[in-house]
Amino acid sequence: MSKAASNKLLQDITGMMTDPSQATNDNKINDIMNRIRCLDIGKATEEVRLAACHFMTMFHTRKAMTIGAPGQGGGMGQMSMGGMAQGGNNAVNMKLVNEFKKAQRKDMELGW
């Protein structure tokens, strides 16, 4: 990743983490995650690596909280002000839980 692309990624992560109006933009969230996953971690600056790790943690925390929520197929679900998924039922789809765990583990290994 070029220095300009790295700086843009850092700017996008920072903007997403500090601007609540961007917190529901699933397209931008997924775009940032895809760019993080494509990072050459060994060549990334410490600042980009730390921001990416923080973003991935928030991404997966938010995703975990939506498992069992309506529309859980591909989106992030709708979060209430308290952070819990709205309208969910008590049944948890274990296939989704296991897919989540695999994706989270892969991302966290990249981040740490």
PDB file of N, CA and C in Angstrom:
ATOM      1  N   MET A   1       0.856  -1.176   0.000  1.00  0.00           N
ATOM      2  CA  MET A   1       0.000   0.000   0.000  1.00  0.00           C
ATOM      3  C   MET A   1       0.900   1.236   0.000  1.00  0.00           C
ATOM      4  N   SER A   2       0.578   2.167  -0.868  1.00  0.00           N
ATOM      5  CA  SER A   2       1.375   3.391  -0.945  1.00  0.00           C
ATOM      6  C   SER A   2       1.177   4.241   0.302  1.00  0.00           C
ATOM      7  N   LYS A   3       2.074   5.184   0.479  1.00  0.00           N
ATOM      8  CA  LYS A   3       1.970   6.087   1.628  1.00  0.00           C
ATOM      9  C   LYS A   3       0.669   6.887   1.558  1.00  0.00           C
ATOM     10  N   ALA A   4       0.280   7.313   0.360  1.00  0.00           N
ATOM     11  CA  ALA A   4      -0.963   8.070   0.199  1.00  0.00           C
ATOM     12  C   ALA A   4      -2.175   7.205   0.551  1.00  0.00           C
ATOM     13  N   ALA A   5      -2.167   5.954   0.107  1.00  0.00           N
ATOM     14  CA  ALA A   5      -3.272   5.044   0.408  1.00  0.00           C
ATOM     15  C   ALA A   5      -3.322   4.734   1.903  1.00  0.00           C
ATOM     16  N   SER A   6      -2.152   4.589   2.506  1.00  0.00           N
ATOM     17  CA  SER A   6      -2.069   4.342   3.943  1.00  0.00           C
ATOM     18  C   SER A   6      -2.621   5.532   4.728  1.00  0.00           C
ATOM     19  N   ASN A   7      -2.245   6.741   4.300  1.00  0.00           N
ATOM     20  CA  ASN A   7      -2.761   7.947   4.961  1.00  0.00           C
ATOM     21  C   ASN A   7      -4.267   8.077   4.790  1.00  0.00           C
ATOM     22  N   LYS A   8      -4.770   7.724   3.603  1.00  0.00           N
ATOM     23  CA  LYS A   8      -6.217   7.776   3.342  1.00  0.00           C
ATOM     24  C   LYS A   8      -6.946   6.767   4.230  1.00  0.00           C
ATOM     25  N   LEU A   9      -6.388   5.574   4.369  1.00  0.00           N
ATOM     26  CA  LEU A   9      -6.986   4.567   5.240  1.00  0.00           C
ATOM     27  C   LEU A   9      -7.038   5.068   6.674  1.00  0.00           C
ATOM     28  N   LEU A  10      -5.944   5.628   7.141  1.00  0.00           N
ATOM     29  CA  LEU A  10      -5.905   6.159   8.506  1.00  0.00           C
ATOM     30  C   LEU A  10      -6.948   7.268   8.674  1.00  0.00           C
ATOM     31  N   GLN A  11      -7.042   8.146   7.705  1.00  0.00           N
ATOM     32  CA  GLN A  11      -8.031   9.230   7.747  1.00  0.00           C
ATOM     33  C   GLN A  11      -9.454   8.663   7.779  1.00  0.00           C
ATOM     34  N   ASP A  12      -9.731   7.644   6.949  1.00  0.00           N
ATOM     35  CA  ASP A  12     -11.066   7.043   6.924  1.00  0.00           C
ATOM     36  C   ASP A  12     -11.399   6.334   8.234  1.00  0.00           C
ATOM     37  N   ILE A  13     -10.427   5.618   8.790  1.00  0.00           N
ATOM     38  CA  ILE A  13     -10.648   4.947  10.079  1.00  0.00           C
ATOM     39  C   ILE A  13     -10.935   5.982  11.158  1.00  0.00           C
ATOM     40  N   THR A  14     -10.127   7.009  11.208  1.00  0.00           N
ATOM     41  CA  THR A  14     -10.298   8.055  12.219  1.00  0.00           C
ATOM     42  C   THR A  14     -11.652   8.738  12.072  1.00  0.00           C
ATOM     43  N   GLY A  15     -12.029   9.047  10.840  1.00  0.00           N
ATOM     44  CA  GLY A  15     -13.326   9.665  10.596  1.00  0.00           C
ATOM     45  C   GLY A  15     -14.470   8.778  11.027  1.00  0.00           C
ATOM     46  N   MET A  16     -14.359   7.506  10.712  1.00  0.00           N
ATOM     47  CA  MET A  16     -15.421   6.559  11.073  1.00  0.00           C
ATOM     48  C   MET A  16     -15.537   6.413  12.589  1.00  0.00           C
ATOM     49  N   MET A  17     -14.407   6.435  13.277  1.00  0.00           N
ATOM     50  CA  MET A  17     -14.409   6.214  14.718  1.00  0.00           C
ATOM     51  C   MET A  17     -14.811   7.468  15.502  1.00  0.00           C
ATOM     52  N   THR A  18     -14.743   8.632  14.875  1.00  0.00           N
ATOM     53  CA  THR A  18     -15.031   9.865  15.610  1.00  0.00           C
ATOM     54  C   THR A  18     -16.297  10.572  15.150  1.00  0.00           C
ATOM     55  N   ASP A  19     -16.880  10.157  14.042  1.00  0.00           N
ATOM     56  CA  ASP A  19     -18.079  10.813  13.507  1.00  0.00           C
ATOM     57  C   ASP A  19     -19.262   9.858  13.604  1.00  0.00           C
ATOM     58  N   PRO A  20     -20.143  10.049  14.589  1.00  0.00           N
ATOM     59  CA  PRO A  20     -21.274   9.136  14.776  1.00  0.00           C
ATOM     60  C   PRO A  20     -22.178   9.017  13.549  1.00  0.00           C
ATOM     61  N   SER A  21     -22.213  10.032  12.706  1.00  0.00           N
ATOM     62  CA  SER A  21     -23.073   9.970  11.528  1.00  0.00           C
ATOM     63  C   SER A  21     -22.593   8.920  10.526  1.00  0.00           C
ATOM     64  N   GLN A  22     -21.338   8.527  10.614  1.00  0.00           N
ATOM     65  CA  GLN A  22     -20.798   7.509   9.705  1.00  0.00           C
ATOM     66  C   GLN A  22     -20.964   6.088  10.254  1.00  0.00           C
ATOM     67  N   ALA A  23     -21.354   5.968  11.494  1.00  0.00           N
ATOM     68  CA  ALA A  23     -21.382   4.663  12.167  1.00  0.00           C
ATOM     69  C   ALA A  23     -22.381   3.681  11.580  1.00  0.00           C
ATOM     70  N   THR A  24     -23.328   4.148  10.793  1.00  0.00           N
ATOM     71  CA  THR A  24     -24.308   3.247  10.195  1.00  0.00           C
ATOM     72  C   THR A  24     -24.083   3.068   8.697  1.00  0.00           C
ATOM     73  N   ASN A  25     -22.984   3.577   8.177  1.00  0.00           N
ATOM     74  CA  ASN A  25     -22.678   3.463   6.755  1.00  0.00           C
ATOM     75  C   ASN A  25     -21.983   2.127   6.506  1.00  0.00           C
ATOM     76  N   ASP A  26     -22.783   1.073   6.315  1.00  0.00           N
ATOM     77  CA  ASP A  26     -22.229  -0.271   6.148  1.00  0.00           C
ATOM     78  C   ASP A  26     -21.288  -0.377   4.954  1.00  0.00           C
ATOM     79  N   ASN A  27     -21.578   0.344   3.869  1.00  0.00           N
ATOM     80  CA  ASN A  27     -20.690   0.285   2.699  1.00  0.00           C
ATOM     81  C   ASN A  27     -19.306   0.806   3.043  1.00  0.00           C
ATOM     82  N   LYS A  28     -19.240   1.918   3.743  1.00  0.00           N
ATOM     83  CA  LYS A  28     -17.934   2.485   4.118  1.00  0.00           C
ATOM     84  C   LYS A  28     -17.236   1.593   5.148  1.00  0.00           C
ATOM     85  N   ILE A  29     -18.003   1.074   6.104  1.00  0.00           N
ATOM     86  CA  ILE A  29     -17.432   0.173   7.109  1.00  0.00           C
ATOM     87  C   ILE A  29     -16.799  -1.038   6.423  1.00  0.00           C
ATOM     88  N   ASN A  30     -17.523  -1.652   5.508  1.00  0.00           N
ATOM     89  CA  ASN A  30     -17.008  -2.833   4.815  1.00  0.00           C
ATOM     90  C   ASN A  30     -15.825  -2.487   3.910  1.00  0.00           C
ATOM     91  N   ASP A  31     -15.860  -1.304   3.283  1.00  0.00           N
ATOM     92  CA  ASP A  31     -14.733  -0.865   2.461  1.00  0.00           C
ATOM     93  C   ASP A  31     -13.471  -0.728   3.315  1.00  0.00           C
ATOM     94  N   ILE A  32     -13.607  -0.117   4.477  1.00  0.00           N
ATOM     95  CA  ILE A  32     -12.446   0.040   5.376  1.00  0.00           C
ATOM     96  C   ILE A  32     -11.934  -1.326   5.812  1.00  0.00           C
ATOM     97  N   MET A  33     -12.830  -2.222   6.175  1.00  0.00           N
ATOM     98  CA  MET A  33     -12.395  -3.563   6.589  1.00  0.00           C
ATOM     99  C   MET A  33     -11.656  -4.271   5.466  1.00  0.00           C
ATOM    100  N   ASN A  34     -12.153  -4.151   4.245  1.00  0.00           N
ATOM    101  CA  ASN A  34     -11.476  -4.794   3.111  1.00  0.00           C
ATOM    102  C   ASN A  34     -10.078  -4.213   2.900  1.00  0.00           C
ATOM    103  N   ARG A  35      -9.935  -2.903   3.056  1.00  0.00           N
ATOM    104  CA  ARG A  35      -8.616  -2.287   2.899  1.00  0.00           C
ATOM    105  C   ARG A  35      -7.689  -2.702   4.031  1.00  0.00           C
ATOM    106  N   ILE A  36      -8.219  -2.835   5.244  1.00  0.00           N
ATOM    107  CA  ILE A  36      -7.394  -3.304   6.364  1.00  0.00           C
ATOM    108  C   ILE A  36      -6.915  -4.725   6.093  1.00  0.00           C
ATOM    109  N   ARG A  37      -7.811  -5.566   5.614  1.00  0.00           N
ATOM    110  CA  ARG A  37      -7.448  -6.962   5.343  1.00  0.00           C
ATOM    111  C   ARG A  37      -6.390  -7.092   4.255  1.00  0.00           C
ATOM    112  N   CYS A  38      -6.285  -6.095   3.390  1.00  0.00           N
ATOM    113  CA  CYS A  38      -5.290  -6.116   2.313  1.00  0.00           C
ATOM    114  C   CYS A  38      -3.967  -5.473   2.706  1.00  0.00           C
ATOM    115  N   LEU A  39      -3.880  -4.956   3.921  1.00  0.00           N
ATOM    116  CA  LEU A  39      -2.651  -4.315   4.381  1.00  0.00           C
ATOM    117  C   LEU A  39      -1.496  -5.306   4.436  1.00  0.00           C
ATOM    118  N   ASP A  40      -0.323  -4.831   4.108  1.00  0.00           N
ATOM    119  CA  ASP A  40       0.898  -5.565   4.395  1.00  0.00           C
ATOM    120  C   ASP A  40       1.332  -5.066   5.773  1.00  0.00           C
ATOM    121  N   ILE A  41       0.917  -5.784   6.794  1.00  0.00           N
ATOM    122  CA  ILE A  41       1.098  -5.328   8.172  1.00  0.00           C
ATOM    123  C   ILE A  41       2.553  -5.002   8.479  1.00  0.00           C
ATOM    124  N   GLY A  42       3.470  -5.774   7.925  1.00  0.00           N
ATOM    125  CA  GLY A  42       4.887  -5.533   8.187  1.00  0.00           C
ATOM    126  C   GLY A  42       5.381  -4.191   7.659  1.00  0.00           C
ATOM    127  N   LYS A  43       4.680  -3.641   6.686  1.00  0.00           N
ATOM    128  CA  LYS A  43       5.087  -2.369   6.091  1.00  0.00           C
ATOM    129  C   LYS A  43       4.230  -1.192   6.564  1.00  0.00           C
ATOM    130  N   ALA A  44       3.157  -1.481   7.279  1.00  0.00           N
ATOM    131  CA  ALA A  44       2.263  -0.414   7.751  1.00  0.00           C
ATOM    132  C   ALA A  44       2.898   0.318   8.924  1.00  0.00           C
ATOM    133  N   THR A  45       2.597   1.598   9.039  1.00  0.00           N
ATOM    134  CA  THR A  45       3.110   2.369  10.174  1.00  0.00           C
ATOM    135  C   THR A  45       2.430   1.899  11.456  1.00  0.00           C
ATOM    136  N   GLU A  46       3.053   2.186  12.566  1.00  0.00           N
ATOM    137  CA  GLU A  46       2.470   1.821  13.865  1.00  0.00           C
ATOM    138  C   GLU A  46       1.103   2.483  14.045  1.00  0.00           C
ATOM    139  N   GLU A  47       0.983   3.713  13.589  1.00  0.00           N
ATOM    140  CA  GLU A  47      -0.273   4.441  13.726  1.00  0.00           C
ATOM    141  C   GLU A  47      -1.392   3.757  12.937  1.00  0.00           C
ATOM    142  N   VAL A  48      -1.107   3.328  11.717  1.00  0.00           N
ATOM    143  CA  VAL A  48      -2.101   2.632  10.893  1.00  0.00           C
ATOM    144  C   VAL A  48      -2.430   1.277  11.518  1.00  0.00           C
ATOM    145  N   ARG A  49      -1.420   0.570  11.988  1.00  0.00           N
ATOM    146  CA  ARG A  49      -1.654  -0.747  12.588  1.00  0.00           C
ATOM    147  C   ARG A  49      -2.542  -0.642  13.828  1.00  0.00           C
ATOM    148  N   LEU A  50      -2.261   0.330  14.682  1.00  0.00           N
ATOM    149  CA  LEU A  50      -3.060   0.505  15.891  1.00  0.00           C
ATOM    150  C   LEU A  50      -4.492   0.918  15.554  1.00  0.00           C
ATOM    151  N   ALA A  51      -4.640   1.858  14.629  1.00  0.00           N
ATOM    152  CA  ALA A  51      -5.983   2.296  14.230  1.00  0.00           C
ATOM    153  C   ALA A  51      -6.759   1.145  13.602  1.00  0.00           C
ATOM    154  N   ALA A  52      -6.085   0.342  12.783  1.00  0.00           N
ATOM    155  CA  ALA A  52      -6.730  -0.799  12.140  1.00  0.00           C
ATOM    156  C   ALA A  52      -7.183  -1.824  13.179  1.00  0.00           C
ATOM    157  N   CYS A  53      -6.347  -2.079  14.155  1.00  0.00           N
ATOM    158  CA  CYS A  53      -6.698  -3.027  15.218  1.00  0.00           C
ATOM    159  C   CYS A  53      -7.902  -2.525  16.010  1.00  0.00           C
ATOM    160  N   HIS A  54      -7.903  -1.253  16.332  1.00  0.00           N
ATOM    161  CA  HIS A  54      -9.019  -0.654  17.056  1.00  0.00           C
ATOM    162  C   HIS A  54     -10.294  -0.751  16.225  1.00  0.00           C
ATOM    163  N   PHE A  55     -10.198  -0.437  14.944  1.00  0.00           N
ATOM    164  CA  PHE A  55     -11.369  -0.488  14.065  1.00  0.00           C
ATOM    165  C   PHE A  55     -11.899  -1.910  13.961  1.00  0.00           C
ATOM    166  N   MET A  56     -11.000  -2.884  13.794  1.00  0.00           N
ATOM    167  CA  MET A  56     -11.444  -4.277  13.690  1.00  0.00           C
ATOM    168  C   MET A  56     -12.137  -4.734  14.964  1.00  0.00           C
ATOM    169  N   THR A  57     -11.627  -4.308  16.105  1.00  0.00           N
ATOM    170  CA  THR A  57     -12.258  -4.675  17.375  1.00  0.00           C
ATOM    171  C   THR A  57     -13.669  -4.117  17.443  1.00  0.00           C
ATOM    172  N   MET A  58     -13.830  -2.857  17.077  1.00  0.00           N
ATOM    173  CA  MET A  58     -15.162  -2.243  17.080  1.00  0.00           C
ATOM    174  C   MET A  58     -16.075  -2.914  16.048  1.00  0.00           C
ATOM    175  N   PHE A  59     -15.545  -3.219  14.883  1.00  0.00           N
ATOM    176  CA  PHE A  59     -16.303  -3.874  13.820  1.00  0.00           C
ATOM    177  C   PHE A  59     -16.869  -5.202  14.309  1.00  0.00           C
ATOM    178  N   HIS A  60     -16.006  -6.019  14.899  1.00  0.00           N
ATOM    179  CA  HIS A  60     -16.446  -7.345  15.335  1.00  0.00           C
ATOM    180  C   HIS A  60     -17.328  -7.281  16.581  1.00  0.00           C
ATOM    181  N   THR A  61     -17.110  -6.318  17.439  1.00  0.00           N
ATOM    182  CA  THR A  61     -17.989  -6.151  18.601  1.00  0.00           C
ATOM    183  C   THR A  61     -19.396  -5.809  18.121  1.00  0.00           C
ATOM    184  N   ARG A  62     -19.475  -4.881  17.201  1.00  0.00           N
ATOM    185  CA  ARG A  62     -20.777  -4.479  16.654  1.00  0.00           C
ATOM    186  C   ARG A  62     -21.449  -5.652  15.946  1.00  0.00           C
ATOM    187  N   LYS A  63     -20.684  -6.383  15.165  1.00  0.00           N
ATOM    188  CA  LYS A  63     -21.224  -7.531  14.436  1.00  0.00           C
ATOM    189  C   LYS A  63     -21.714  -8.607  15.405  1.00  0.00           C
ATOM    190  N   ALA A  64     -20.961  -8.870  16.463  1.00  0.00           N
ATOM    191  CA  ALA A  64     -21.363  -9.885  17.442  1.00  0.00           C
ATOM    192  C   ALA A  64     -22.679  -9.520  18.101  1.00  0.00           C
ATOM    193  N   MET A  65     -22.881  -8.242  18.320  1.00  0.00           N
ATOM    194  CA  MET A  65     -24.101  -7.800  18.986  1.00  0.00           C
ATOM    195  C   MET A  65     -25.332  -7.905  18.097  1.00  0.00           C
ATOM    196  N   THR A  66     -25.140  -8.112  16.800  1.00  0.00           N
ATOM    197  CA  THR A  66     -26.275  -8.212  15.891  1.00  0.00           C
ATOM    198  C   THR A  66     -26.637  -9.649  15.547  1.00  0.00           C
ATOM    199  N   ILE A  67     -25.845 -10.612  15.987  1.00  0.00           N
ATOM    200  CA  ILE A  67     -26.181 -12.010  15.701  1.00  0.00           C
ATOM    201  C   ILE A  67     -27.518 -12.311  16.373  1.00  0.00           C
ATOM    202  N   GLY A  68     -28.448 -12.791  15.586  1.00  0.00           N
ATOM    203  CA  GLY A  68     -29.786 -13.057  16.093  1.00  0.00           C
ATOM    204  C   GLY A  68     -30.753 -11.930  15.810  1.00  0.00           C
ATOM    205  N   ALA A  69     -30.253 -10.824  15.270  1.00  0.00           N
ATOM    206  CA  ALA A  69     -31.126  -9.699  14.942  1.00  0.00           C
ATOM    207  C   ALA A  69     -31.790  -9.928  13.595  1.00  0.00           C
ATOM    208  N   PRO A  70     -32.942  -9.314  13.357  1.00  0.00           N
ATOM    209  CA  PRO A  70     -33.584  -9.422  12.040  1.00  0.00           C
ATOM    210  C   PRO A  70     -32.631  -8.913  10.958  1.00  0.00           C
ATOM    211  N   GLY A  71     -32.632  -9.580   9.812  1.00  0.00           N
ATOM    212  CA  GLY A  71     -31.781  -9.148   8.718  1.00  0.00           C
ATOM    213  C   GLY A  71     -30.319  -9.481   8.934  1.00  0.00           C
ATOM    214  N   GLN A  72     -30.024 -10.506   9.732  1.00  0.00           N
ATOM    215  CA  GLN A  72     -28.647 -10.826  10.073  1.00  0.00           C
ATOM    216  C   GLN A  72     -27.864 -11.446   8.925  1.00  0.00           C
ATOM    217  N   GLY A  73     -28.499 -11.691   7.807  1.00  0.00           N
ATOM    218  CA  GLY A  73     -27.821 -12.367   6.716  1.00  0.00           C
ATOM    219  C   GLY A  73     -26.535 -11.721   6.260  1.00  0.00           C
ATOM    220  N   GLY A  74     -26.564 -10.450   5.870  1.00  0.00           N
ATOM    221  CA  GLY A  74     -25.340  -9.883   5.341  1.00  0.00           C
ATOM    222  C   GLY A  74     -24.987  -8.537   5.925  1.00  0.00           C
ATOM    223  N   GLY A  75     -25.954  -7.884   6.530  1.00  0.00           N
ATOM    224  CA  GLY A  75     -25.697  -6.546   7.050  1.00  0.00           C
ATOM    225  C   GLY A  75     -25.244  -6.566   8.478  1.00  0.00           C
ATOM    226  N   MET A  76     -25.112  -5.399   9.023  1.00  0.00           N
ATOM    227  CA  MET A  76     -24.645  -5.274  10.395  1.00  0.00           C
ATOM    228  C   MET A  76     -25.817  -5.209  11.372  1.00  0.00           C
ATOM    229  N   GLY A  77     -27.049  -5.137  10.885  1.00  0.00           N
ATOM    230  CA  GLY A  77     -28.187  -5.032  11.789  1.00  0.00           C
ATOM    231  C   GLY A  77     -28.367  -3.616  12.281  1.00  0.00           C
ATOM    232  N   GLN A  78     -29.445  -3.358  12.945  1.00  0.00           N
ATOM    233  CA  GLN A  78     -29.720  -2.030  13.474  1.00  0.00           C
ATOM    234  C   GLN A  78     -29.457  -2.025  14.972  1.00  0.00           C
ATOM    235  N   MET A  79     -28.679  -1.072  15.407  1.00  0.00           N
ATOM    236  CA  MET A  79     -28.325  -0.985  16.813  1.00  0.00           C
ATOM    237  C   MET A  79     -29.165   0.082  17.481  1.00  0.00           C
ATOM    238  N   SER A  80     -29.542  -0.173  18.711  1.00  0.00           N
ATOM    239  CA  SER A  80     -30.265   0.828  19.489  1.00  0.00           C
ATOM    240  C   SER A  80     -29.258   1.756  20.147  1.00  0.00           C
ATOM    241  N   MET A  81     -29.759   2.790  20.791  1.00  0.00           N
ATOM    242  CA  MET A  81     -28.868   3.727  21.468  1.00  0.00           C
ATOM    243  C   MET A  81     -28.018   3.024  22.519  1.00  0.00           C
ATOM    244  N   GLY A  82     -28.574   1.992  23.146  1.00  0.00           N
ATOM    245  CA  GLY A  82     -27.840   1.260  24.174  1.00  0.00           C
ATOM    246  C   GLY A  82     -26.837   0.279  23.599  1.00  0.00           C
ATOM    247  N   GLY A  83     -26.834   0.123  22.273  1.00  0.00           N
ATOM    248  CA  GLY A  83     -25.865  -0.750  21.646  1.00  0.00           C
ATOM    249  C   GLY A  83     -26.353  -2.164  21.392  1.00  0.00           C
ATOM    250  N   MET A  84     -27.537  -2.525  21.867  1.00  0.00           N
ATOM    251  CA  MET A  84     -28.042  -3.872  21.663  1.00  0.00           C
ATOM    252  C   MET A  84     -28.888  -3.920  20.391  1.00  0.00           C
ATOM    253  N   ALA A  85     -28.860  -5.069  19.727  1.00  0.00           N
ATOM    254  CA  ALA A  85     -29.652  -5.231  18.521  1.00  0.00           C
ATOM    255  C   ALA A  85     -31.131  -5.157  18.863  1.00  0.00           C
ATOM    256  N   GLN A  86     -31.895  -4.512  18.001  1.00  0.00           N
ATOM    257  CA  GLN A  86     -33.327  -4.362  18.233  1.00  0.00           C
ATOM    258  C   GLN A  86     -34.087  -5.446  17.486  1.00  0.00           C
ATOM    259  N   GLY A  87     -35.150  -5.902  18.077  1.00  0.00           N
ATOM    260  CA  GLY A  87     -36.079  -6.781  17.392  1.00  0.00           C
ATOM    261  C   GLY A  87     -35.609  -8.205  17.239  1.00  0.00           C
ATOM    262  N   GLY A  88     -34.556  -8.601  17.878  1.00  0.00           N
ATOM    263  CA  GLY A  88     -34.051  -9.953  17.754  1.00  0.00           C
ATOM    264  C   GLY A  88     -34.927 -10.945  18.507  1.00  0.00           C
ATOM    265  N   ASN A  89     -34.783 -12.201  18.141  1.00  0.00           N
ATOM    266  CA  ASN A  89     -35.481 -13.236  18.897  1.00  0.00           C
ATOM    267  C   ASN A  89     -34.439 -13.975  19.719  1.00  0.00           C
ATOM    268  N   ASN A  90     -34.882 -14.929  20.502  1.00  0.00           N
ATOM    269  CA  ASN A  90     -33.958 -15.617  21.391  1.00  0.00           C
ATOM    270  C   ASN A  90     -33.164 -16.719  20.707  1.00  0.00           C
ATOM    271  N   ALA A  91     -33.564 -17.111  19.485  1.00  0.00           N
ATOM    272  CA  ALA A  91     -32.863 -18.169  18.775  1.00  0.00           C
ATOM    273  C   ALA A  91     -31.609 -17.608  18.114  1.00  0.00           C
ATOM    274  N   VAL A  92     -30.481 -18.231  18.385  1.00  0.00           N
ATOM    275  CA  VAL A  92     -29.221 -17.801  17.782  1.00  0.00           C
ATOM    276  C   VAL A  92     -28.842 -18.817  16.717  1.00  0.00           C
ATOM    277  N   ASN A  93     -28.542 -18.328  15.546  1.00  0.00           N
ATOM    278  CA  ASN A  93     -28.146 -19.172  14.435  1.00  0.00           C
ATOM    279  C   ASN A  93     -26.674 -19.557  14.635  1.00  0.00           C
ATOM    280  N   MET A  94     -26.437 -20.791  15.009  1.00  0.00           N
ATOM    281  CA  MET A  94     -25.078 -21.231  15.330  1.00  0.00           C
ATOM    282  C   MET A  94     -24.168 -21.238  14.102  1.00  0.00           C
ATOM    283  N   LYS A  95     -24.733 -21.418  12.912  1.00  0.00           N
ATOM    284  CA  LYS A  95     -23.923 -21.336  11.703  1.00  0.00           C
ATOM    285  C   LYS A  95     -23.340 -19.927  11.582  1.00  0.00           C
ATOM    286  N   LEU A  96     -24.170 -18.902  11.824  1.00  0.00           N
ATOM    287  CA  LEU A  96     -23.684 -17.523  11.772  1.00  0.00           C
ATOM    288  C   LEU A  96     -22.665 -17.253  12.869  1.00  0.00           C
ATOM    289  N   VAL A  97     -22.895 -17.810  14.044  1.00  0.00           N
ATOM    290  CA  VAL A  97     -21.953 -17.627  15.154  1.00  0.00           C
ATOM    291  C   VAL A  97     -20.595 -18.220  14.781  1.00  0.00           C
ATOM    292  N   ASN A  98     -20.584 -19.420  14.226  1.00  0.00           N
ATOM    293  CA  ASN A  98     -19.318 -20.059  13.861  1.00  0.00           C
ATOM    294  C   ASN A  98     -18.613 -19.327  12.724  1.00  0.00           C
ATOM    295  N   GLU A  99     -19.374 -18.835  11.743  1.00  0.00           N
ATOM    296  CA  GLU A  99     -18.783 -18.042  10.663  1.00  0.00           C
ATOM    297  C   GLU A  99     -18.177 -16.761  11.229  1.00  0.00           C
ATOM    298  N   PHE A 100     -18.896 -16.139  12.151  1.00  0.00           N
ATOM    299  CA  PHE A 100     -18.402 -14.927  12.800  1.00  0.00           C
ATOM    300  C   PHE A 100     -17.095 -15.202  13.533  1.00  0.00           C
ATOM    301  N   LYS A 101     -17.050 -16.284  14.294  1.00  0.00           N
ATOM    302  CA  LYS A 101     -15.862 -16.608  15.073  1.00  0.00           C
ATOM    303  C   LYS A 101     -14.644 -16.819  14.178  1.00  0.00           C
ATOM    304  N   LYS A 102     -14.837 -17.484  13.043  1.00  0.00           N
ATOM    305  CA  LYS A 102     -13.729 -17.715  12.122  1.00  0.00           C
ATOM    306  C   LYS A 102     -13.229 -16.390  11.534  1.00  0.00           C
ATOM    307  N   ALA A 103     -14.148 -15.543  11.101  1.00  0.00           N
ATOM    308  CA  ALA A 103     -13.772 -14.252  10.514  1.00  0.00           C
ATOM    309  C   ALA A 103     -13.095 -13.374  11.559  1.00  0.00           C
ATOM    310  N   GLN A 104     -13.647 -13.369  12.765  1.00  0.00           N
ATOM    311  CA  GLN A 104     -13.065 -12.553  13.832  1.00  0.00           C
ATOM    312  C   GLN A 104     -11.652 -13.034  14.158  1.00  0.00           C
ATOM    313  N   ARG A 105     -11.460 -14.312  14.277  1.00  0.00           N
ATOM    314  CA  ARG A 105     -10.138 -14.858  14.605  1.00  0.00           C
ATOM    315  C   ARG A 105      -9.116 -14.467  13.535  1.00  0.00           C
ATOM    316  N   LYS A 106      -9.501 -14.602  12.278  1.00  0.00           N
ATOM    317  CA  LYS A 106      -8.591 -14.248  11.181  1.00  0.00           C
ATOM    318  C   LYS A 106      -8.207 -12.774  11.246  1.00  0.00           C
ATOM    319  N   ASP A 107      -9.194 -11.912  11.453  1.00  0.00           N
ATOM    320  CA  ASP A 107      -8.926 -10.474  11.527  1.00  0.00           C
ATOM    321  C   ASP A 107      -8.096 -10.118  12.753  1.00  0.00           C
ATOM    322  N   MET A 108      -8.390 -10.725  13.885  1.00  0.00           N
ATOM    323  CA  MET A 108      -7.644 -10.402  15.099  1.00  0.00           C
ATOM    324  C   MET A 108      -6.197 -10.872  15.004  1.00  0.00           C
ATOM    325  N   GLU A 109      -5.967 -11.998  14.336  1.00  0.00           N
ATOM    326  CA  GLU A 109      -4.591 -12.464  14.135  1.00  0.00           C
ATOM    327  C   GLU A 109      -3.831 -11.470  13.257  1.00  0.00           C
ATOM    328  N   LEU A 110      -4.510 -10.911  12.253  1.00  0.00           N
ATOM    329  CA  LEU A 110      -3.897  -9.883  11.421  1.00  0.00           C
ATOM    330  C   LEU A 110      -3.590  -8.641  12.255  1.00  0.00           C
ATOM    331  N   GLY A 111      -4.544  -8.247  13.085  1.00  0.00           N
ATOM    332  CA  GLY A 111      -4.390  -7.030  13.876  1.00  0.00           C
ATOM    333  C   GLY A 111      -3.335  -7.127  14.955  1.00  0.00           C
ATOM    334  N   TRP A 112      -3.202  -8.267  15.561  1.00  0.00           N
ATOM    335  CA  TRP A 112      -2.247  -8.391  16.667  1.00  0.00           C
ATOM    336  C   TRP A 112      -0.970  -9.017  16.188  1.00  0.00           C
TER     337      TRP A 112
END
